[in-house]
Protein backbone atom coordinates (compact mmCIF):
# COMPACT_ATOMS: atom_id res chain seq x y z
CA MET A 1 0.05 0.08 0.34
CA ASP A 2 1.17 3.82 -1.16
CA TYR A 3 0.07 5.75 1.36
CA LEU A 4 0.96 9.69 0.54
CA ILE A 5 0.60 12.57 2.96
CA ILE A 6 0.74 16.13 1.11
CA GLY A 7 1.81 18.52 4.00
CA ALA A 8 4.59 17.75 6.88
CA GLY A 9 2.62 19.59 9.65
CA ALA A 10 0.66 18.15 12.74
CA ALA A 11 -2.23 17.07 10.66
CA GLY A 12 0.56 14.92 8.35
CA VAL A 13 2.51 13.70 11.02
CA SER A 14 0.17 12.83 13.24
CA ALA A 15 -1.92 10.91 10.44
CA ALA A 16 1.93 8.89 9.37
CA LYS A 17 2.68 8.00 13.16
CA GLU A 18 -1.09 6.36 13.37
CA ILE A 19 -0.49 4.73 9.76
CA LEU A 20 3.43 3.51 11.53
CA LYS A 21 1.06 1.10 13.94
CA ASN A 22 -0.72 -0.62 11.67
CA ARG A 23 1.91 -0.71 8.59
CA LYS A 24 2.71 -3.86 6.92
CA SER A 25 6.30 -4.85 5.66
CA GLU A 26 5.76 -3.72 2.19
CA ASP A 27 3.79 -0.31 2.19
CA GLN A 28 5.35 2.99 1.96
CA ILE A 29 4.80 6.50 3.41
CA SER A 30 5.66 9.37 1.60
CA ILE A 31 5.14 13.00 3.08
CA PHE A 32 5.62 16.29 0.68
CA THR A 33 5.93 19.49 2.01
CA ASP A 34 6.96 22.58 -0.49
CA GLU A 35 9.02 23.57 3.22
CA LYS A 36 12.66 23.16 3.71
CA TYR A 37 12.32 22.03 7.82
CA PRO A 38 10.88 18.98 8.71
CA PHE A 39 8.35 19.16 11.28
CA TYR A 40 8.27 21.53 13.96
CA TYR A 41 5.95 23.17 16.38
CA ARG A 42 4.42 26.00 14.54
CA PRO A 43 2.41 27.28 17.12
CA ARG A 44 5.51 28.48 18.70
CA LEU A 45 6.98 30.83 15.47
CA ILE A 46 5.71 33.51 17.15
CA GLU A 47 8.29 33.13 19.93
CA CYS A 48 11.11 32.99 17.87
CA LEU A 49 10.21 36.97 16.64
CA SER A 50 11.69 37.76 19.98
CA GLY A 51 15.13 36.40 19.34
CA GLU A 52 14.81 34.38 22.02
CA VAL A 53 14.00 31.13 20.50
CA GLU A 54 15.39 29.82 16.75
CA VAL A 55 12.92 27.61 14.27
CA GLU A 56 15.95 24.84 14.95
CA ASP A 57 15.11 24.31 18.63
CA ILE A 58 10.92 24.27 18.00
CA ILE A 59 11.65 21.12 15.33
CA ILE A 60 9.77 18.24 16.99
CA ASN A 61 10.67 15.11 14.65
CA ASP A 62 14.12 16.09 12.55
CA GLN A 63 15.18 14.34 9.66
CA LYS A 64 17.44 11.45 11.06
CA TRP A 65 13.67 10.66 12.84
CA PHE A 66 12.10 10.04 9.40
CA GLU A 67 14.71 7.98 8.35
CA GLU A 68 15.13 5.58 10.85
CA ASN A 69 10.95 4.91 10.57
CA ASN A 70 11.17 4.60 6.85
CA ILE A 71 9.30 7.55 5.72
CA GLU A 72 10.14 9.19 2.73
CA LEU A 73 10.12 12.84 3.75
CA HIS A 74 10.15 14.96 1.15
CA LEU A 75 12.06 18.49 1.43
CA ASN A 76 11.34 21.69 -0.68
CA GLU A 77 9.06 19.64 -2.87
CA GLU A 78 5.50 20.98 -3.63
CA ILE A 79 2.88 19.35 -5.56
CA ILE A 80 1.27 20.68 -8.48
CA GLU A 81 -1.53 18.79 -9.23
CA ILE A 82 -3.35 15.95 -8.56
CA ASP A 83 -4.73 13.21 -10.60
CA SER A 84 -7.44 11.67 -8.93
CA GLN A 85 -8.58 9.45 -11.47
CA ASN A 86 -4.85 7.59 -12.35
CA LYS A 87 -4.23 8.12 -8.78
CA LEU A 88 -1.25 10.17 -9.40
CA LEU A 89 1.12 13.13 -7.28
CA LYS A 90 2.98 15.82 -9.87
CA SER A 91 5.57 17.78 -8.90
CA LYS A 92 7.80 20.04 -10.47
CA LYS A 93 10.21 17.05 -9.87
CA ASP A 94 8.44 13.91 -10.73
CA GLN A 95 4.94 11.86 -10.01
CA TYR A 96 3.93 9.43 -7.87
CA THR A 97 1.26 6.78 -7.55
CA TYR A 98 -0.79 6.57 -4.42
CA ASP A 99 -3.03 4.20 -2.93
CA LYS A 100 -4.55 6.52 -0.33
CA LEU A 101 -3.65 10.03 -0.32
CA LEU A 102 -4.12 12.59 2.95
CA LEU A 103 -4.08 16.27 2.33
CA ALA A 104 -2.97 18.25 4.96
CA ASN A 105 -1.46 20.82 3.35
CA GLY A 106 -2.97 23.63 5.20
CA SER A 107 -4.24 27.26 4.98
CA HIS A 108 -2.77 30.15 3.93
CA CYS A 109 -2.76 34.37 5.64
CA PHE A 110 -5.78 36.16 4.07
CA VAL A 111 -4.53 39.85 3.17
CA PRO A 112 -7.66 42.40 3.56
CA PRO A 113 -7.65 44.06 -0.24
CA PHE A 114 -5.50 46.91 0.75
CA SER A 115 -3.97 49.12 -1.14
CA GLY A 116 0.22 49.46 -0.89
CA VAL A 117 0.51 45.63 -0.28
CA ASP A 118 3.17 44.96 -2.51
CA LEU A 119 5.57 47.73 -0.58
CA ASP A 120 8.72 45.90 0.36
CA ASN A 121 8.55 45.19 4.42
CA ILE A 122 5.06 43.99 4.57
CA PHE A 123 4.69 40.69 5.77
CA THR A 124 2.34 38.05 7.33
CA LEU A 125 3.45 34.76 9.28
CA ARG A 126 2.77 31.09 8.19
CA THR A 127 5.89 29.64 7.64
CA ALA A 128 9.79 29.17 8.94
CA ALA A 129 10.64 30.91 5.70
CA ASP A 130 8.51 33.98 6.59
CA LEU A 131 9.63 34.13 9.74
CA LYS A 132 13.51 34.28 8.42
CA GLU A 133 12.29 36.78 6.18
CA ILE A 134 10.93 39.18 8.72
CA ASN A 135 13.55 38.81 11.46
CA GLN A 136 16.19 39.96 8.68
CA ALA A 137 13.98 42.86 8.26
CA ALA A 138 13.35 43.44 12.03
CA GLU A 139 17.43 43.73 12.65
CA LYS A 140 17.64 46.91 10.93
CA ALA A 141 13.56 48.67 11.44
CA LYS A 142 12.68 50.61 14.19
CA LYS A 143 8.55 51.05 14.16
CA ALA A 144 6.33 47.92 13.97
CA VAL A 145 2.80 47.66 12.85
CA VAL A 146 0.71 44.78 13.10
CA VAL A 147 -2.86 44.43 11.39
CA GLY A 148 -5.35 43.15 13.12
CA GLY A 149 -5.71 42.60 17.52
CA GLY A 150 -6.41 38.87 17.51
CA LEU A 151 -4.88 36.37 19.35
CA LEU A 152 -2.39 35.74 16.84
CA GLY A 153 -2.07 39.33 16.21
CA LEU A 154 -1.19 40.15 19.82
CA GLU A 155 1.21 37.69 20.58
CA ILE A 156 3.44 39.16 17.31
CA ALA A 157 3.11 42.59 18.75
CA TYR A 158 3.99 41.01 22.21
CA ASN A 159 7.41 40.00 20.90
CA PHE A 160 8.08 42.64 18.32
CA ALA A 161 8.30 44.91 21.60
CA LYS A 162 10.17 42.04 23.38
CA ALA A 163 12.90 42.90 20.55
CA GLY A 164 12.70 46.49 21.44
CA LEU A 165 10.59 47.75 18.33
CA ASP A 166 8.14 50.64 18.86
CA THR A 167 5.19 48.36 18.39
CA THR A 168 1.66 49.22 17.39
CA VAL A 169 -1.44 46.80 16.87
CA LEU A 170 -4.45 48.15 15.13
CA GLU A 171 -8.18 46.64 15.72
CA VAL A 172 -10.76 47.31 13.89
CA ALA A 173 -13.24 46.42 16.51
CA PRO A 174 -14.20 48.61 19.67
CA TYR A 175 -12.05 47.19 21.69
CA LEU A 176 -9.65 43.87 21.89
CA LEU A 177 -10.49 40.39 21.66
CA PRO A 178 -14.53 41.25 21.10
CA MET A 179 -15.20 37.31 20.21
CA GLN A 180 -13.75 36.12 23.71
CA LEU A 181 -14.17 39.49 26.29
CA ASP A 182 -16.43 41.96 26.87
CA GLN A 183 -15.43 46.34 26.14
CA ARG A 184 -14.18 46.04 30.01
CA GLY A 185 -12.19 43.47 29.70
CA GLY A 186 -11.00 44.42 26.14
CA ASP A 187 -10.09 47.70 27.63
CA LEU A 188 -8.49 46.47 30.72
CA LEU A 189 -5.83 43.99 28.03
CA GLU A 190 -5.54 46.68 26.16
CA GLU A 191 -4.01 48.47 29.53
CA LYS A 192 -2.12 45.28 30.49
CA LEU A 193 -0.76 45.69 26.92
CA LYS A 194 0.80 49.03 26.95
CA GLN A 195 2.84 48.16 30.47
CA ASN A 196 4.44 45.91 27.79
CA ASN A 197 5.37 48.24 25.20
CA VAL A 198 2.57 47.77 23.07
CA LYS A 199 0.63 50.43 21.57
CA VAL A 200 -3.27 49.71 20.68
CA VAL A 201 -5.44 51.73 17.92
CA THR A 202 -9.07 50.01 18.43
CA ASP A 203 -11.89 51.15 15.89
CA ALA A 204 -8.61 51.01 13.05
CA ALA A 205 -9.86 50.54 9.93
CA THR A 206 -6.77 50.21 7.59
CA LYS A 207 -7.08 51.53 4.58
CA GLY A 208 -3.60 50.52 2.70
CA PHE A 209 0.45 51.30 3.21
CA ASN A 210 2.51 54.28 1.76
CA GLY A 211 5.76 54.28 0.80
CA GLU A 212 8.87 54.35 -1.80
CA LYS A 213 9.93 51.13 -2.21
CA SER A 214 9.74 50.14 1.50
CA VAL A 215 6.52 50.36 3.97
CA GLU A 216 6.75 53.92 5.72
CA LYS A 217 2.94 54.04 7.01
CA VAL A 218 -0.08 52.71 7.48
CA ILE A 219 -3.22 54.58 6.45
CA LEU A 220 -6.39 54.68 8.06
CA GLU A 221 -9.32 56.46 7.73
CA ASP A 222 -8.79 58.90 10.16
CA ARG A 223 -5.29 58.72 10.49
CA GLU A 224 -1.44 57.69 9.63
CA ILE A 225 1.01 55.20 11.70
CA GLU A 226 4.75 55.71 10.51
CA ALA A 227 6.54 51.98 10.29
CA ASP A 228 8.74 50.63 8.74
CA LEU A 229 7.84 47.18 9.23
CA VAL A 230 4.30 45.66 9.05
CA LEU A 231 2.85 42.51 9.81
CA ILE A 232 -0.97 41.80 8.52
CA SER A 233 -2.55 38.95 10.79
CA THR A 234 -6.41 39.42 9.59
CA GLY A 235 -7.33 35.60 9.53
CA VAL A 236 -6.33 32.36 7.44
CA ARG A 237 -7.96 30.79 4.24
CA SER A 238 -7.36 26.83 3.77
CA ASN A 239 -5.32 25.75 0.47
CA THR A 240 -7.81 24.04 -1.79
CA SER A 241 -6.42 25.29 -4.78
CA LEU A 242 -5.19 21.46 -5.57
CA VAL A 243 -9.00 20.12 -5.48
CA GLU A 244 -10.39 22.61 -7.88
CA ASN A 245 -10.62 20.59 -10.57
CA LEU A 246 -11.04 17.53 -8.58
CA ASN A 247 -14.81 15.92 -8.13
CA ILE A 248 -14.03 16.53 -4.07
CA ASP A 249 -16.73 17.73 -2.54
CA LYS A 250 -15.83 21.64 -0.84
CA ASN A 251 -17.09 24.59 0.67
CA LYS A 252 -14.56 26.78 2.40
CA GLY A 253 -11.80 23.82 2.85
CA ILE A 254 -12.49 20.17 1.56
CA LEU A 255 -15.75 18.55 3.31
CA VAL A 256 -14.72 15.60 4.77
CA ASP A 257 -16.73 13.01 7.15
CA SER A 258 -16.07 11.69 11.25
CA LYS A 259 -13.35 9.71 9.44
CA MET A 260 -11.63 12.59 7.59
CA GLN A 261 -12.73 11.33 4.05
CA THR A 262 -13.74 13.59 1.59
CA SER A 263 -16.11 12.24 -1.19
CA ASN A 264 -13.74 10.63 -2.61
CA PRO A 265 -12.95 7.27 -0.63
CA ASP A 266 -9.34 6.80 -1.49
CA ILE A 267 -9.00 10.86 -0.34
CA TYR A 268 -9.05 12.02 2.81
CA ALA A 269 -8.38 15.57 4.50
CA ALA A 270 -7.02 16.79 8.21
CA GLY A 271 -6.31 20.15 9.82
CA ASP A 272 -5.87 23.49 8.27
CA VAL A 273 -7.17 22.58 5.13
CA ALA A 274 -10.19 19.77 5.95
CA GLU A 275 -14.01 21.56 7.05
CA PHE A 276 -16.18 19.15 9.66
CA LYS A 277 -19.50 20.04 9.90
CA ASP A 278 -19.41 23.59 8.73
CA LYS A 279 -16.09 24.23 10.98
CA ILE A 280 -12.08 25.14 9.82
CA TYR A 281 -10.26 24.96 13.60
CA GLY A 282 -7.14 26.24 12.11
CA ILE A 283 -5.38 25.70 15.57
CA TRP A 284 -2.50 23.07 16.22
CA PRO A 285 -4.65 20.44 18.82
CA PRO A 286 -7.76 19.44 16.54
CA SER A 287 -5.06 19.18 13.45
CA LEU A 288 -3.42 16.74 15.91
CA ALA A 289 -6.51 14.66 16.64
CA GLN A 290 -7.67 14.89 12.83
CA GLY A 291 -4.02 13.63 11.44
CA ARG A 292 -4.25 10.59 13.55
CA VAL A 293 -8.31 10.05 12.84
CA ALA A 294 -6.78 9.80 9.17
CA GLY A 295 -4.17 7.53 9.72
CA THR A 296 -5.77 5.12 12.02
CA VAL A 297 -8.77 4.76 9.11
CA MET A 298 -6.29 4.76 6.40
CA SER A 299 -4.59 1.87 7.30
CA GLY A 300 -7.65 -0.33 8.00
CA GLY A 301 -7.91 0.98 11.91
CA GLN A 302 -11.98 2.41 13.68
CA ALA A 303 -11.83 5.56 14.70
CA GLU A 304 -13.60 9.25 14.42
CA PHE A 305 -13.72 12.56 14.97
CA ASP A 306 -16.03 14.27 16.88
CA GLY A 307 -15.01 17.64 17.24
CA TYR A 308 -12.85 19.72 19.50
CA VAL A 309 -14.06 22.23 22.12
CA PRO A 310 -10.98 24.92 22.15
CA SER A 311 -9.60 25.82 24.96
CA HIS A 312 -10.93 29.01 26.89
CA LYS A 313 -7.99 29.34 28.79
CA LEU A 314 -4.82 31.71 27.35
CA LYS A 315 -1.87 33.53 27.90
CA VAL A 316 -2.42 36.55 25.79
CA ALA A 317 1.27 38.53 25.58
CA GLY A 318 1.81 36.86 28.88
CA ILE A 319 -1.29 38.04 30.15
CA ASN A 320 -3.98 35.85 31.56
CA VAL A 321 -7.06 35.51 29.77
CA VAL A 322 -9.88 33.07 30.61
CA SER A 323 -13.08 33.07 28.28
CA LEU A 324 -15.74 30.41 29.18
CA GLY A 325 -19.00 29.47 28.86
CA GLU A 326 -21.88 31.85 28.26
CA LEU A 327 -20.75 35.12 27.70
CA ASN A 328 -24.33 36.93 27.98
CA LYS A 329 -23.86 39.01 24.40
CA ASP A 330 -27.49 39.26 24.36
CA GLY A 331 -27.81 40.84 27.85
CA ASP A 332 -30.14 37.46 29.03
CA TYR A 333 -28.43 36.81 32.10
CA GLU A 334 -27.58 38.00 35.36
CA GLU A 335 -23.96 39.42 35.51
CA GLU A 336 -21.42 39.73 38.59
CA VAL A 337 -18.32 41.53 38.43
CA LEU A 338 -15.78 39.73 41.69
CA ALA A 339 -12.74 41.99 40.86
CA ASP A 340 -12.16 45.17 38.67
CA ASN A 341 -8.90 46.81 39.26
CA GLU A 342 -5.73 45.14 38.36
CA SER A 343 -7.87 42.01 37.33
CA TYR A 344 -11.31 41.95 35.82
CA VAL A 345 -13.43 38.94 37.17
CA LYS A 346 -17.13 38.70 35.85
CA VAL A 347 -19.18 35.65 36.26
CA ILE A 348 -22.64 35.42 34.36
CA LYS A 349 -25.11 33.51 36.45
CA ASN A 350 -28.53 31.91 35.82
CA LYS A 351 -30.83 32.47 38.63
CA GLU A 352 -28.41 30.86 41.13
CA GLU A 353 -26.79 28.86 38.67
CA LYS A 354 -22.99 30.05 37.31
CA ILE A 355 -22.71 29.56 33.13
CA GLY A 356 -19.83 31.59 31.93
CA ALA A 357 -16.98 33.67 33.32
CA LEU A 358 -14.07 36.25 31.67
CA ILE A 359 -11.32 37.02 34.06
CA VAL A 360 -7.96 39.37 32.71
CA GLY A 361 -4.96 39.27 35.31
CA GLN A 362 -4.45 36.91 37.83
CA TYR A 363 -7.73 35.79 40.25
CA SER A 364 -6.86 33.22 43.18
CA GLU A 365 -10.03 31.02 42.72
CA GLN A 366 -10.00 30.91 39.44
CA ASN A 367 -9.63 26.88 39.34
CA GLN A 368 -12.53 26.78 42.19
CA LEU A 369 -14.97 29.34 39.40
CA LEU A 370 -13.89 27.65 36.42
CA ALA A 371 -14.85 23.95 38.12
CA ASP A 372 -17.96 25.55 39.60
CA ILE A 373 -19.37 26.60 35.66
CA LYS A 374 -18.29 23.25 34.25
CA LYS A 375 -20.01 21.07 36.77
């Protein structure tokens, strides 16, 4: 059996590890990636922006591991075409036959139609190669702007500031993390970020960028901000281009069932490229879980993916943030504020039962409060 996997990230490699458990002597596992690094811990790329961590430090399985497990790892080899009728993959170097195929080729950064986006020193961060380019630019830069104040954008801004850059983050909403927090929580998080040398501009409608060759200014509706380095963090989109001309069901991602199987029985999908019950998770833990299910099922085992509930206990730029349960966005429930100074703690209740909580900062009774809600 020839197992071919496109993508050497969390989903692809976790699938390969499950196939290894069921592997027969004649089975061949091949993994293709357009990156030059083997399997690394992508969430920690952000830490590399501050210079405290190198890409080589976050590699999980190096090339030797793949060799020892008799997995053919094709680095720097982009798959450009899938011929599902003849069960062929094609790259610019060669073509390969498969019996079972896993699409685990992830996602790419979404960039809104900003003007001037082609200027030098405007980046997105998705891969180790992106990071190397950003770090080279950051060595000469003085003023960094991060467009997008979500979880990833805030972490990026925090690490730029730690590296000594004059850093501003732009958030289009009236306060930070509107999906996870309320106005007071978002405002306190903003105050704490400012204490960590990160400036924040909310209600920031970015229009584009100005400069001669490299970026010099970020243009908002009501002002301009000087910048010699810009990082855009405005979400991701699934890499579905390989299946555009195939008879495979797709929406925003490639549609899969609970076994990670697509509408083609010999093709599976997992991770950021896969859409399960209208959801593309775009984060590490469900990518690992989906990869494990795909690898198990592809190699003859039984497994199902039944969804993933994201953890709501977060470290945002080193600051404790909790967002759990009912957040009372519509004002239907009673609220009680337990702390509102250096830390902000709000509990949402339905009669006497605690059904939700927001925490920004440290709270000594946090574990007990979360346990009460989970009951």
